[in-house]
Amino acid sequence: MTLRSAPVRVEKSYRAFVPEGLPPGSPLLFVLHGSQQNGKVIRRATGYGFDRLAERRGFAVVYPDGHKRG
């Protein structure tokens, strides 16, 4: 997926987890990673724990990739 921001127009790629049936307006958690990682790596490194927590607690999770690396 790609997120476009304005007015700078920087395209960011990311991975997301949205529990099935999550209603509009639900909370959103951004999971940030260290350098040399990306969204896929941090999601796996956390053992998909944020996905499971989101499923239980009712929120979406975004794992953004780094700028010019991801």
Protein backbone atom coordinates (compact mmCIF):
# COMPACT_ATOMS: atom_id res chain seq x y z
CA MET A 1 0.00 0.00 0.00
CA THR A 2 1.09 3.58 -0.51
CA LEU A 3 0.32 6.63 1.61
CA ARG A 4 0.49 10.01 -0.12
CA SER A 5 1.00 13.15 1.94
CA ALA A 6 0.44 16.75 0.91
CA PRO A 7 1.78 19.27 0.12
CA VAL A 8 5.23 17.63 -0.10
CA ARG A 9 3.87 14.58 -1.96
CA VAL A 10 6.09 11.97 -0.41
CA GLU A 11 5.00 8.44 -1.17
CA LYS A 12 5.42 6.00 1.71
CA SER A 13 4.91 2.27 1.54
CA TYR A 14 3.62 0.32 4.52
CA ARG A 15 2.04 -2.88 5.70
CA ALA A 16 -1.24 -2.76 7.57
CA PHE A 17 -3.38 -5.04 9.67
CA VAL A 18 -7.08 -4.24 9.97
CA PRO A 19 -9.20 -6.72 11.91
CA GLU A 20 -12.24 -7.99 10.04
CA GLY A 21 -15.33 -5.94 10.81
CA LEU A 22 -13.41 -3.06 12.37
CA PRO A 23 -15.77 -0.06 12.38
CA PRO A 24 -14.81 3.27 10.77
CA GLY A 25 -13.20 5.69 13.21
CA SER A 26 -11.48 2.96 15.22
CA PRO A 27 -8.04 3.73 16.70
CA LEU A 28 -4.91 3.35 14.57
CA LEU A 29 -1.49 2.36 15.91
CA PHE A 30 1.75 3.12 14.02
CA VAL A 31 4.57 0.68 14.82
CA LEU A 32 7.92 2.33 14.07
CA HIS A 33 11.13 0.42 13.42
CA GLY A 34 14.82 1.07 13.77
CA SER A 35 17.20 1.79 10.93
CA GLN A 36 17.95 -0.99 8.47
CA GLN A 37 14.43 -2.41 8.97
CA ASN A 38 11.11 -2.02 7.22
CA GLY A 39 7.47 -2.67 7.98
CA LYS A 40 7.66 -6.34 7.04
CA VAL A 41 10.70 -6.96 9.24
CA ILE A 42 9.36 -5.22 12.37
CA ARG A 43 5.99 -6.96 12.01
CA ARG A 44 7.73 -10.34 11.92
CA ALA A 45 10.25 -9.37 14.64
CA THR A 46 7.41 -8.59 17.05
CA GLY A 47 5.93 -12.02 16.38
CA TYR A 48 2.78 -10.43 14.91
CA GLY A 49 1.93 -9.48 18.49
CA PHE A 50 0.50 -6.10 17.53
CA ASP A 51 -1.81 -7.83 15.02
CA ARG A 52 -3.12 -10.17 17.71
CA LEU A 53 -3.55 -7.29 20.17
CA ALA A 54 -5.40 -5.27 17.52
CA GLU A 55 -7.72 -8.21 16.91
CA ARG A 56 -8.52 -8.49 20.63
CA ARG A 57 -8.74 -4.75 21.40
CA GLY A 58 -10.29 -3.39 18.19
CA PHE A 59 -7.77 -1.17 16.41
CA ALA A 60 -5.82 -1.11 13.15
CA VAL A 61 -2.03 -1.33 12.89
CA VAL A 62 0.30 0.29 10.34
CA TYR A 63 3.94 -0.72 9.89
CA PRO A 64 5.53 2.02 7.71
CA ASP A 65 8.69 1.44 5.70
CA GLY A 66 11.60 3.84 6.07
CA HIS A 67 12.19 6.80 3.78
CA LYS A 68 14.14 5.82 0.65
CA ARG A 69 14.88 2.36 2.01
CA GLY A 70 11.68 0.39 2.66
